[in-house]
Amino acid sequence: MPVKHKAANRGQPTRSGILLRYRDKDSAYGVTRRTATKLAATLGLSETQVVHVALANLARQTLPRYETDGGPLNAKHRAEIRRLQPPGRMKVKERLF
């Protein structure tokens, strides 16, 4: 069994992360450290926050979003869905996420 080193994480929960390698020159698919530093200074953020802002903007531009259709399903809707679906094929959910 591997030995866990508590001093390394100082009691903090382990977090998943990514390694960000800056590009040698700016392009449509990456930026240099110098550009990230300029963005951080201009926006008054840390470089990590700049990366999060960029990813959040990309997610809003790229990922599909769905309009609300009137809220959660009521009991009548759930019963109708269950009636129309073969048993065991689908589960009725209140929310997608």
PDB file of N, CA and C in Angstrom:
ATOM      1  N   MET A   1       0.852  -1.177   0.000  1.00  0.00           N
ATOM      2  CA  MET A   1       0.000   0.000   0.000  1.00  0.00           C
ATOM      3  C   MET A   1       0.895   1.236   0.000  1.00  0.00           C
ATOM      4  N   PRO A   2       0.632   2.203  -0.905  1.00  0.00           N
ATOM      5  CA  PRO A   2       1.463   3.397  -0.958  1.00  0.00           C
ATOM      6  C   PRO A   2       1.303   4.257   0.288  1.00  0.00           C
ATOM      7  N   VAL A   3       2.372   4.923   0.644  1.00  0.00           N
ATOM      8  CA  VAL A   3       2.367   5.806   1.802  1.00  0.00           C
ATOM      9  C   VAL A   3       1.842   7.169   1.376  1.00  0.00           C
ATOM     10  N   LYS A   4       0.893   7.699   2.131  1.00  0.00           N
ATOM     11  CA  LYS A   4       0.361   9.024   1.837  1.00  0.00           C
ATOM     12  C   LYS A   4       1.167  10.047   2.620  1.00  0.00           C
ATOM     13  N   HIS A   5       1.566  11.102   1.956  1.00  0.00           N
ATOM     14  CA  HIS A   5       2.341  12.163   2.593  1.00  0.00           C
ATOM     15  C   HIS A   5       1.406  13.301   2.952  1.00  0.00           C
ATOM     16  N   LYS A   6       1.045  13.396   4.220  1.00  0.00           N
ATOM     17  CA  LYS A   6       0.108  14.434   4.662  1.00  0.00           C
ATOM     18  C   LYS A   6       0.718  15.823   4.584  1.00  0.00           C
ATOM     19  N   ALA A   7       2.025  15.926   4.713  1.00  0.00           N
ATOM     20  CA  ALA A   7       2.651  17.245   4.690  1.00  0.00           C
ATOM     21  C   ALA A   7       2.508  17.897   3.321  1.00  0.00           C
ATOM     22  N   ALA A   8       2.403  17.088   2.273  1.00  0.00           N
ATOM     23  CA  ALA A   8       2.324  17.644   0.920  1.00  0.00           C
ATOM     24  C   ALA A   8       1.033  18.422   0.698  1.00  0.00           C
ATOM     25  N   ASN A   9      -0.101  17.911   1.213  1.00  0.00           N
ATOM     26  CA  ASN A   9      -1.351  18.626   0.990  1.00  0.00           C
ATOM     27  C   ASN A   9      -1.857  19.335   2.239  1.00  0.00           C
ATOM     28  N   ARG A  10      -1.131  19.228   3.332  1.00  0.00           N
ATOM     29  CA  ARG A  10      -1.423  19.936   4.574  1.00  0.00           C
ATOM     30  C   ARG A  10      -2.888  19.838   4.995  1.00  0.00           C
ATOM     31  N   GLY A  11      -3.458  18.641   4.856  1.00  0.00           N
ATOM     32  CA  GLY A  11      -4.827  18.434   5.286  1.00  0.00           C
ATOM     33  C   GLY A  11      -5.870  18.964   4.322  1.00  0.00           C
ATOM     34  N   GLN A  12      -5.447  19.533   3.216  1.00  0.00           N
ATOM     35  CA  GLN A  12      -6.377  20.058   2.224  1.00  0.00           C
ATOM     36  C   GLN A  12      -6.913  18.908   1.378  1.00  0.00           C
ATOM     37  N   PRO A  13      -8.156  19.005   0.944  1.00  0.00           N
ATOM     38  CA  PRO A  13      -8.667  17.970   0.048  1.00  0.00           C
ATOM     39  C   PRO A  13      -7.900  17.996  -1.275  1.00  0.00           C
ATOM     40  N   THR A  14      -7.705  16.831  -1.844  1.00  0.00           N
ATOM     41  CA  THR A  14      -7.009  16.747  -3.124  1.00  0.00           C
ATOM     42  C   THR A  14      -7.901  17.338  -4.200  1.00  0.00           C
ATOM     43  N   ARG A  15      -7.340  18.195  -5.021  1.00  0.00           N
ATOM     44  CA  ARG A  15      -8.096  18.829  -6.098  1.00  0.00           C
ATOM     45  C   ARG A  15      -7.499  18.409  -7.425  1.00  0.00           C
ATOM     46  N   SER A  16      -8.362  18.199  -8.387  1.00  0.00           N
ATOM     47  CA  SER A  16      -7.859  17.891  -9.712  1.00  0.00           C
ATOM     48  C   SER A  16      -7.491  19.206 -10.380  1.00  0.00           C
ATOM     49  N   GLY A  17      -6.531  19.179 -11.239  1.00  0.00           N
ATOM     50  CA  GLY A  17      -6.104  20.386 -11.911  1.00  0.00           C
ATOM     51  C   GLY A  17      -5.506  20.058 -13.255  1.00  0.00           C
ATOM     52  N   ILE A  18      -5.090  21.094 -13.944  1.00  0.00           N
ATOM     53  CA  ILE A  18      -4.462  20.910 -15.238  1.00  0.00           C
ATOM     54  C   ILE A  18      -3.119  21.619 -15.234  1.00  0.00           C
ATOM     55  N   LEU A  19      -2.257  21.167 -16.080  1.00  0.00           N
ATOM     56  CA  LEU A  19      -0.984  21.825 -16.279  1.00  0.00           C
ATOM     57  C   LEU A  19      -1.142  22.723 -17.495  1.00  0.00           C
ATOM     58  N   LEU A  20      -0.877  23.990 -17.338  1.00  0.00           N
ATOM     59  CA  LEU A  20      -1.008  24.935 -18.434  1.00  0.00           C
ATOM     60  C   LEU A  20       0.379  25.266 -18.965  1.00  0.00           C
ATOM     61  N   ARG A  21       0.589  24.965 -20.205  1.00  0.00           N
ATOM     62  CA  ARG A  21       1.856  25.320 -20.842  1.00  0.00           C
ATOM     63  C   ARG A  21       1.590  26.474 -21.795  1.00  0.00           C
ATOM     64  N   TYR A  22       2.258  27.570 -21.539  1.00  0.00           N
ATOM     65  CA  TYR A  22       2.101  28.731 -22.406  1.00  0.00           C
ATOM     66  C   TYR A  22       2.760  28.463 -23.747  1.00  0.00           C
ATOM     67  N   ARG A  23       2.294  29.118 -24.781  1.00  0.00           N
ATOM     68  CA  ARG A  23       2.831  28.968 -26.132  1.00  0.00           C
ATOM     69  C   ARG A  23       4.048  29.857 -26.323  1.00  0.00           C
ATOM     70  N   ASP A  24       4.848  29.525 -27.307  1.00  0.00           N
ATOM     71  CA  ASP A  24       6.021  30.343 -27.645  1.00  0.00           C
ATOM     72  C   ASP A  24       5.613  31.638 -28.327  1.00  0.00           C
ATOM     73  N   LYS A  25       4.467  31.597 -29.023  1.00  0.00           N
ATOM     74  CA  LYS A  25       3.931  32.827 -29.624  1.00  0.00           C
ATOM     75  C   LYS A  25       2.411  32.763 -29.599  1.00  0.00           C
ATOM     76  N   ASP A  26       1.774  33.915 -29.590  1.00  0.00           N
ATOM     77  CA  ASP A  26       0.319  33.995 -29.540  1.00  0.00           C
ATOM     78  C   ASP A  26      -0.301  33.460 -30.833  1.00  0.00           C
ATOM     79  N   SER A  27      -1.405  32.767 -30.685  1.00  0.00           N
ATOM     80  CA  SER A  27      -2.138  32.257 -31.848  1.00  0.00           C
ATOM     81  C   SER A  27      -3.611  32.157 -31.462  1.00  0.00           C
ATOM     82  N   ALA A  28      -4.424  31.644 -32.379  1.00  0.00           N
ATOM     83  CA  ALA A  28      -5.848  31.467 -32.103  1.00  0.00           C
ATOM     84  C   ALA A  28      -6.081  30.383 -31.053  1.00  0.00           C
ATOM     85  N   TYR A  29      -5.065  29.543 -30.798  1.00  0.00           N
ATOM     86  CA  TYR A  29      -5.235  28.420 -29.885  1.00  0.00           C
ATOM     87  C   TYR A  29      -4.339  28.480 -28.655  1.00  0.00           C
ATOM     88  N   GLY A  30      -3.739  29.604 -28.383  1.00  0.00           N
ATOM     89  CA  GLY A  30      -2.917  29.725 -27.195  1.00  0.00           C
ATOM     90  C   GLY A  30      -2.242  31.079 -27.117  1.00  0.00           C
ATOM     91  N   VAL A  31      -1.742  31.403 -25.925  1.00  0.00           N
ATOM     92  CA  VAL A  31      -1.075  32.683 -25.713  1.00  0.00           C
ATOM     93  C   VAL A  31       0.244  32.468 -24.979  1.00  0.00           C
ATOM     94  N   THR A  32       1.085  33.476 -25.053  1.00  0.00           N
ATOM     95  CA  THR A  32       2.359  33.453 -24.337  1.00  0.00           C
ATOM     96  C   THR A  32       2.129  33.869 -22.888  1.00  0.00           C
ATOM     97  N   ARG A  33       3.089  33.615 -22.074  1.00  0.00           N
ATOM     98  CA  ARG A  33       3.021  34.039 -20.669  1.00  0.00           C
ATOM     99  C   ARG A  33       2.934  35.563 -20.594  1.00  0.00           C
ATOM    100  N   ARG A  34       3.624  36.223 -21.477  1.00  0.00           N
ATOM    101  CA  ARG A  34       3.613  37.697 -21.495  1.00  0.00           C
ATOM    102  C   ARG A  34       2.188  38.221 -21.729  1.00  0.00           C
ATOM    103  N   THR A  35       1.469  37.607 -22.669  1.00  0.00           N
ATOM    104  CA  THR A  35       0.094  38.028 -22.946  1.00  0.00           C
ATOM    105  C   THR A  35      -0.806  37.757 -21.756  1.00  0.00           C
ATOM    106  N   ALA A  36      -0.653  36.595 -21.130  1.00  0.00           N
ATOM    107  CA  ALA A  36      -1.463  36.268 -19.954  1.00  0.00           C
ATOM    108  C   ALA A  36      -1.193  37.256 -18.823  1.00  0.00           C
ATOM    109  N   THR A  37       0.055  37.627 -18.649  1.00  0.00           N
ATOM    110  CA  THR A  37       0.422  38.595 -17.612  1.00  0.00           C
ATOM    111  C   THR A  37      -0.191  39.961 -17.904  1.00  0.00           C
ATOM    112  N   LYS A  38      -0.158  40.376 -19.180  1.00  0.00           N
ATOM    113  CA  LYS A  38      -0.766  41.660 -19.567  1.00  0.00           C
ATOM    114  C   LYS A  38      -2.275  41.640 -19.328  1.00  0.00           C
ATOM    115  N   LEU A  39      -2.923  40.528 -19.688  1.00  0.00           N
ATOM    116  CA  LEU A  39      -4.363  40.405 -19.444  1.00  0.00           C
ATOM    117  C   LEU A  39      -4.680  40.497 -17.959  1.00  0.00           C
ATOM    118  N   ALA A  40      -3.912  39.793 -17.155  1.00  0.00           N
ATOM    119  CA  ALA A  40      -4.127  39.808 -15.712  1.00  0.00           C
ATOM    120  C   ALA A  40      -3.995  41.226 -15.160  1.00  0.00           C
ATOM    121  N   ALA A  41      -2.966  41.934 -15.576  1.00  0.00           N
ATOM    122  CA  ALA A  41      -2.754  43.299 -15.097  1.00  0.00           C
ATOM    123  C   ALA A  41      -3.872  44.234 -15.566  1.00  0.00           C
ATOM    124  N   THR A  42      -4.283  44.087 -16.812  1.00  0.00           N
ATOM    125  CA  THR A  42      -5.337  44.937 -17.363  1.00  0.00           C
ATOM    126  C   THR A  42      -6.675  44.705 -16.667  1.00  0.00           C
ATOM    127  N   LEU A  43      -6.984  43.438 -16.382  1.00  0.00           N
ATOM    128  CA  LEU A  43      -8.265  43.097 -15.757  1.00  0.00           C
ATOM    129  C   LEU A  43      -8.233  43.153 -14.233  1.00  0.00           C
ATOM    130  N   GLY A  44      -7.036  43.282 -13.663  1.00  0.00           N
ATOM    131  CA  GLY A  44      -6.905  43.288 -12.210  1.00  0.00           C
ATOM    132  C   GLY A  44      -7.160  41.916 -11.606  1.00  0.00           C
ATOM    133  N   LEU A  45      -6.777  40.882 -12.333  1.00  0.00           N
ATOM    134  CA  LEU A  45      -6.975  39.505 -11.897  1.00  0.00           C
ATOM    135  C   LEU A  45      -5.642  38.782 -11.819  1.00  0.00           C
ATOM    136  N   SER A  46      -5.648  37.595 -11.229  1.00  0.00           N
ATOM    137  CA  SER A  46      -4.459  36.743 -11.279  1.00  0.00           C
ATOM    138  C   SER A  46      -4.466  36.008 -12.619  1.00  0.00           C
ATOM    139  N   GLU A  47      -3.347  35.413 -12.973  1.00  0.00           N
ATOM    140  CA  GLU A  47      -3.294  34.647 -14.222  1.00  0.00           C
ATOM    141  C   GLU A  47      -4.253  33.464 -14.164  1.00  0.00           C
ATOM    142  N   THR A  48      -4.395  32.852 -13.010  1.00  0.00           N
ATOM    143  CA  THR A  48      -5.337  31.738 -12.862  1.00  0.00           C
ATOM    144  C   THR A  48      -6.763  32.211 -13.125  1.00  0.00           C
ATOM    145  N   GLN A  49      -7.125  33.380 -12.581  1.00  0.00           N
ATOM    146  CA  GLN A  49      -8.458  33.916 -12.815  1.00  0.00           C
ATOM    147  C   GLN A  49      -8.671  34.248 -14.286  1.00  0.00           C
ATOM    148  N   VAL A  50      -7.635  34.727 -14.970  1.00  0.00           N
ATOM    149  CA  VAL A  50      -7.732  35.016 -16.403  1.00  0.00           C
ATOM    150  C   VAL A  50      -8.062  33.738 -17.170  1.00  0.00           C
ATOM    151  N   VAL A  51      -7.410  32.630 -16.816  1.00  0.00           N
ATOM    152  CA  VAL A  51      -7.681  31.350 -17.474  1.00  0.00           C
ATOM    153  C   VAL A  51      -9.130  30.937 -17.228  1.00  0.00           C
ATOM    154  N   HIS A  52      -9.619  31.087 -15.984  1.00  0.00           N
ATOM    155  CA  HIS A  52     -11.005  30.733 -15.685  1.00  0.00           C
ATOM    156  C   HIS A  52     -11.986  31.610 -16.458  1.00  0.00           C
ATOM    157  N   VAL A  53     -11.720  32.898 -16.559  1.00  0.00           N
ATOM    158  CA  VAL A  53     -12.597  33.802 -17.321  1.00  0.00           C
ATOM    159  C   VAL A  53     -12.619  33.382 -18.787  1.00  0.00           C
ATOM    160  N   ALA A  54     -11.454  33.077 -19.342  1.00  0.00           N
ATOM    161  CA  ALA A  54     -11.385  32.660 -20.740  1.00  0.00           C
ATOM    162  C   ALA A  54     -12.168  31.369 -20.973  1.00  0.00           C
ATOM    163  N   LEU A  55     -12.021  30.404 -20.072  1.00  0.00           N
ATOM    164  CA  LEU A  55     -12.746  29.142 -20.218  1.00  0.00           C
ATOM    165  C   LEU A  55     -14.255  29.348 -20.056  1.00  0.00           C
ATOM    166  N   ALA A  56     -14.654  30.201 -19.118  1.00  0.00           N
ATOM    167  CA  ALA A  56     -16.081  30.480 -18.921  1.00  0.00           C
ATOM    168  C   ALA A  56     -16.675  31.141 -20.163  1.00  0.00           C
ATOM    169  N   ASN A  57     -15.949  32.083 -20.760  1.00  0.00           N
ATOM    170  CA  ASN A  57     -16.422  32.729 -21.991  1.00  0.00           C
ATOM    171  C   ASN A  57     -16.515  31.728 -23.137  1.00  0.00           C
ATOM    172  N   LEU A  58     -15.524  30.857 -23.267  1.00  0.00           N
ATOM    173  CA  LEU A  58     -15.548  29.838 -24.312  1.00  0.00           C
ATOM    174  C   LEU A  58     -16.722  28.880 -24.112  1.00  0.00           C
ATOM    175  N   ALA A  59     -16.996  28.517 -22.872  1.00  0.00           N
ATOM    176  CA  ALA A  59     -18.128  27.627 -22.585  1.00  0.00           C
ATOM    177  C   ALA A  59     -19.447  28.284 -22.979  1.00  0.00           C
ATOM    178  N   ARG A  60     -19.622  29.567 -22.628  1.00  0.00           N
ATOM    179  CA  ARG A  60     -20.849  30.275 -22.997  1.00  0.00           C
ATOM    180  C   ARG A  60     -21.006  30.360 -24.513  1.00  0.00           C
ATOM    181  N   GLN A  61     -19.915  30.549 -25.233  1.00  0.00           N
ATOM    182  CA  GLN A  61     -19.976  30.674 -26.692  1.00  0.00           C
ATOM    183  C   GLN A  61     -20.175  29.336 -27.391  1.00  0.00           C
ATOM    184  N   THR A  62     -19.683  28.262 -26.802  1.00  0.00           N
ATOM    185  CA  THR A  62     -19.591  26.987 -27.505  1.00  0.00           C
ATOM    186  C   THR A  62     -20.636  25.961 -27.097  1.00  0.00           C
ATOM    187  N   LEU A  63     -20.873  25.819 -25.807  1.00  0.00           N
ATOM    188  CA  LEU A  63     -21.751  24.757 -25.328  1.00  0.00           C
ATOM    189  C   LEU A  63     -23.215  25.132 -25.493  1.00  0.00           C
ATOM    190  N   PRO A  64     -24.063  24.163 -25.840  1.00  0.00           N
ATOM    191  CA  PRO A  64     -25.487  24.474 -26.021  1.00  0.00           C
ATOM    192  C   PRO A  64     -26.147  24.813 -24.694  1.00  0.00           C
ATOM    193  N   ARG A  65     -27.043  25.753 -24.745  1.00  0.00           N
ATOM    194  CA  ARG A  65     -27.848  26.112 -23.583  1.00  0.00           C
ATOM    195  C   ARG A  65     -29.309  25.970 -23.980  1.00  0.00           C
ATOM    196  N   TYR A  66     -30.096  25.570 -23.050  1.00  0.00           N
ATOM    197  CA  TYR A  66     -31.503  25.337 -23.334  1.00  0.00           C
ATOM    198  C   TYR A  66     -32.359  26.292 -22.526  1.00  0.00           C
ATOM    199  N   GLU A  67     -33.414  26.781 -23.195  1.00  0.00           N
ATOM    200  CA  GLU A  67     -34.340  27.671 -22.506  1.00  0.00           C
ATOM    201  C   GLU A  67     -35.196  26.856 -21.555  1.00  0.00           C
ATOM    202  N   THR A  68     -35.597  27.488 -20.464  1.00  0.00           N
ATOM    203  CA  THR A  68     -36.474  26.814 -19.518  1.00  0.00           C
ATOM    204  C   THR A  68     -37.832  26.597 -20.173  1.00  0.00           C
ATOM    205  N   ASP A  69     -38.448  25.479 -19.884  1.00  0.00           N
ATOM    206  CA  ASP A  69     -39.744  25.169 -20.484  1.00  0.00           C
ATOM    207  C   ASP A  69     -40.856  25.183 -19.447  1.00  0.00           C
ATOM    208  N   GLY A  70     -40.703  25.991 -18.438  1.00  0.00           N
ATOM    209  CA  GLY A  70     -41.773  26.134 -17.478  1.00  0.00           C
ATOM    210  C   GLY A  70     -41.516  25.485 -16.133  1.00  0.00           C
ATOM    211  N   GLY A  71     -40.305  25.046 -15.887  1.00  0.00           N
ATOM    212  CA  GLY A  71     -40.000  24.518 -14.567  1.00  0.00           C
ATOM    213  C   GLY A  71     -40.013  23.006 -14.511  1.00  0.00           C
ATOM    214  N   PRO A  72     -39.986  22.472 -13.286  1.00  0.00           N
ATOM    215  CA  PRO A  72     -39.909  21.019 -13.114  1.00  0.00           C
ATOM    216  C   PRO A  72     -41.185  20.326 -13.575  1.00  0.00           C
ATOM    217  N   LEU A  73     -41.038  19.041 -13.857  1.00  0.00           N
ATOM    218  CA  LEU A  73     -42.198  18.245 -14.251  1.00  0.00           C
ATOM    219  C   LEU A  73     -43.133  18.064 -13.062  1.00  0.00           C
ATOM    220  N   ASN A  74     -44.412  18.098 -13.355  1.00  0.00           N
ATOM    221  CA  ASN A  74     -45.371  17.823 -12.282  1.00  0.00           C
ATOM    222  C   ASN A  74     -45.746  16.342 -12.320  1.00  0.00           C
ATOM    223  N   ALA A  75     -46.524  15.907 -11.373  1.00  0.00           N
ATOM    224  CA  ALA A  75     -46.883  14.489 -11.247  1.00  0.00           C
ATOM    225  C   ALA A  75     -47.614  13.981 -12.493  1.00  0.00           C
ATOM    226  N   LYS A  76     -48.455  14.805 -13.085  1.00  0.00           N
ATOM    227  CA  LYS A  76     -49.197  14.411 -14.290  1.00  0.00           C
ATOM    228  C   LYS A  76     -48.232  14.147 -15.448  1.00  0.00           C
ATOM    229  N   HIS A  77     -47.246  15.037 -15.627  1.00  0.00           N
ATOM    230  CA  HIS A  77     -46.257  14.858 -16.701  1.00  0.00           C
ATOM    231  C   HIS A  77     -45.450  13.585 -16.494  1.00  0.00           C
ATOM    232  N   ARG A  78     -44.993  13.345 -15.260  1.00  0.00           N
ATOM    233  CA  ARG A  78     -44.186  12.155 -14.974  1.00  0.00           C
ATOM    234  C   ARG A  78     -44.988  10.884 -15.249  1.00  0.00           C
ATOM    235  N   ALA A  79     -46.250  10.886 -14.857  1.00  0.00           N
ATOM    236  CA  ALA A  79     -47.104   9.714 -15.088  1.00  0.00           C
ATOM    237  C   ALA A  79     -47.278   9.464 -16.587  1.00  0.00           C
ATOM    238  N   GLU A  80     -47.453  10.508 -17.350  1.00  0.00           N
ATOM    239  CA  GLU A  80     -47.623  10.370 -18.801  1.00  0.00           C
ATOM    240  C   GLU A  80     -46.342   9.837 -19.450  1.00  0.00           C
ATOM    241  N   ILE A  81     -45.195  10.324 -19.019  1.00  0.00           N
ATOM    242  CA  ILE A  81     -43.918   9.834 -19.550  1.00  0.00           C
ATOM    243  C   ILE A  81     -43.745   8.358 -19.220  1.00  0.00           C
ATOM    244  N   ARG A  82     -44.028   7.978 -17.997  1.00  0.00           N
ATOM    245  CA  ARG A  82     -43.913   6.564 -17.599  1.00  0.00           C
ATOM    246  C   ARG A  82     -44.851   5.682 -18.428  1.00  0.00           C
ATOM    247  N   ARG A  83     -46.052   6.177 -18.702  1.00  0.00           N
ATOM    248  CA  ARG A  83     -47.029   5.416 -19.476  1.00  0.00           C
ATOM    249  C   ARG A  83     -46.541   5.189 -20.908  1.00  0.00           C
ATOM    250  N   LEU A  84     -45.871   6.184 -21.483  1.00  0.00           N
ATOM    251  CA  LEU A  84     -45.446   6.104 -22.878  1.00  0.00           C
ATOM    252  C   LEU A  84     -44.147   5.330 -23.094  1.00  0.00           C
ATOM    253  N   GLN A  85     -43.351   5.160 -22.070  1.00  0.00           N
ATOM    254  CA  GLN A  85     -42.054   4.506 -22.215  1.00  0.00           C
ATOM    255  C   GLN A  85     -42.115   3.041 -21.818  1.00  0.00           C
ATOM    256  N   PRO A  86     -41.366   2.177 -22.531  1.00  0.00           N
ATOM    257  CA  PRO A  86     -41.296   0.770 -22.113  1.00  0.00           C
ATOM    258  C   PRO A  86     -40.677   0.673 -20.717  1.00  0.00           C
ATOM    259  N   PRO A  87     -41.109  -0.284 -19.911  1.00  0.00           N
ATOM    260  CA  PRO A  87     -40.589  -0.410 -18.543  1.00  0.00           C
ATOM    261  C   PRO A  87     -39.067  -0.600 -18.527  1.00  0.00           C
ATOM    262  N   GLY A  88     -38.412   0.090 -17.608  1.00  0.00           N
ATOM    263  CA  GLY A  88     -36.970  -0.055 -17.419  1.00  0.00           C
ATOM    264  C   GLY A  88     -36.107   0.654 -18.440  1.00  0.00           C
ATOM    265  N   ARG A  89     -36.721   1.280 -19.423  1.00  0.00           N
ATOM    266  CA  ARG A  89     -35.936   1.926 -20.470  1.00  0.00           C
ATOM    267  C   ARG A  89     -35.424   3.298 -20.062  1.00  0.00           C
ATOM    268  N   MET A  90     -36.245   4.068 -19.385  1.00  0.00           N
ATOM    269  CA  MET A  90     -35.869   5.426 -18.995  1.00  0.00           C
ATOM    270  C   MET A  90     -36.301   5.701 -17.567  1.00  0.00           C
ATOM    271  N   LYS A  91     -35.592   6.638 -16.957  1.00  0.00           N
ATOM    272  CA  LYS A  91     -35.971   7.113 -15.628  1.00  0.00           C
ATOM    273  C   LYS A  91     -36.413   8.556 -15.761  1.00  0.00           C
ATOM    274  N   VAL A  92     -37.474   8.896 -15.095  1.00  0.00           N
ATOM    275  CA  VAL A  92     -37.974  10.267 -15.107  1.00  0.00           C
ATOM    276  C   VAL A  92     -37.174  11.060 -14.093  1.00  0.00           C
ATOM    277  N   LYS A  93     -36.629  12.193 -14.525  1.00  0.00           N
ATOM    278  CA  LYS A  93     -35.829  13.053 -13.651  1.00  0.00           C
ATOM    279  C   LYS A  93     -36.517  14.397 -13.479  1.00  0.00           C
ATOM    280  N   GLU A  94     -36.345  14.971 -12.312  1.00  0.00           N
ATOM    281  CA  GLU A  94     -36.877  16.306 -12.073  1.00  0.00           C
ATOM    282  C   GLU A  94     -36.034  17.360 -12.788  1.00  0.00           C
ATOM    283  N   ARG A  95     -34.707  17.137 -12.783  1.00  0.00           N
ATOM    284  CA  ARG A  95     -33.775  18.106 -13.385  1.00  0.00           C
ATOM    285  C   ARG A  95     -32.728  17.352 -14.162  1.00  0.00           C
ATOM    286  N   LEU A  96     -32.145  18.000 -15.159  1.00  0.00           N
ATOM    287  CA  LEU A  96     -31.075  17.370 -15.928  1.00  0.00           C
ATOM    288  C   LEU A  96     -29.761  17.400 -15.194  1.00  0.00           C
ATOM    289  N   PHE A  97     -29.532  18.445 -14.388  1.00  0.00           N
ATOM    290  CA  PHE A  97     -28.234  18.592 -13.734  1.00  0.00           C
ATOM    291  C   PHE A  97     -28.395  18.811 -12.256  1.00  0.00           C
TER     292      PHE A  97
END
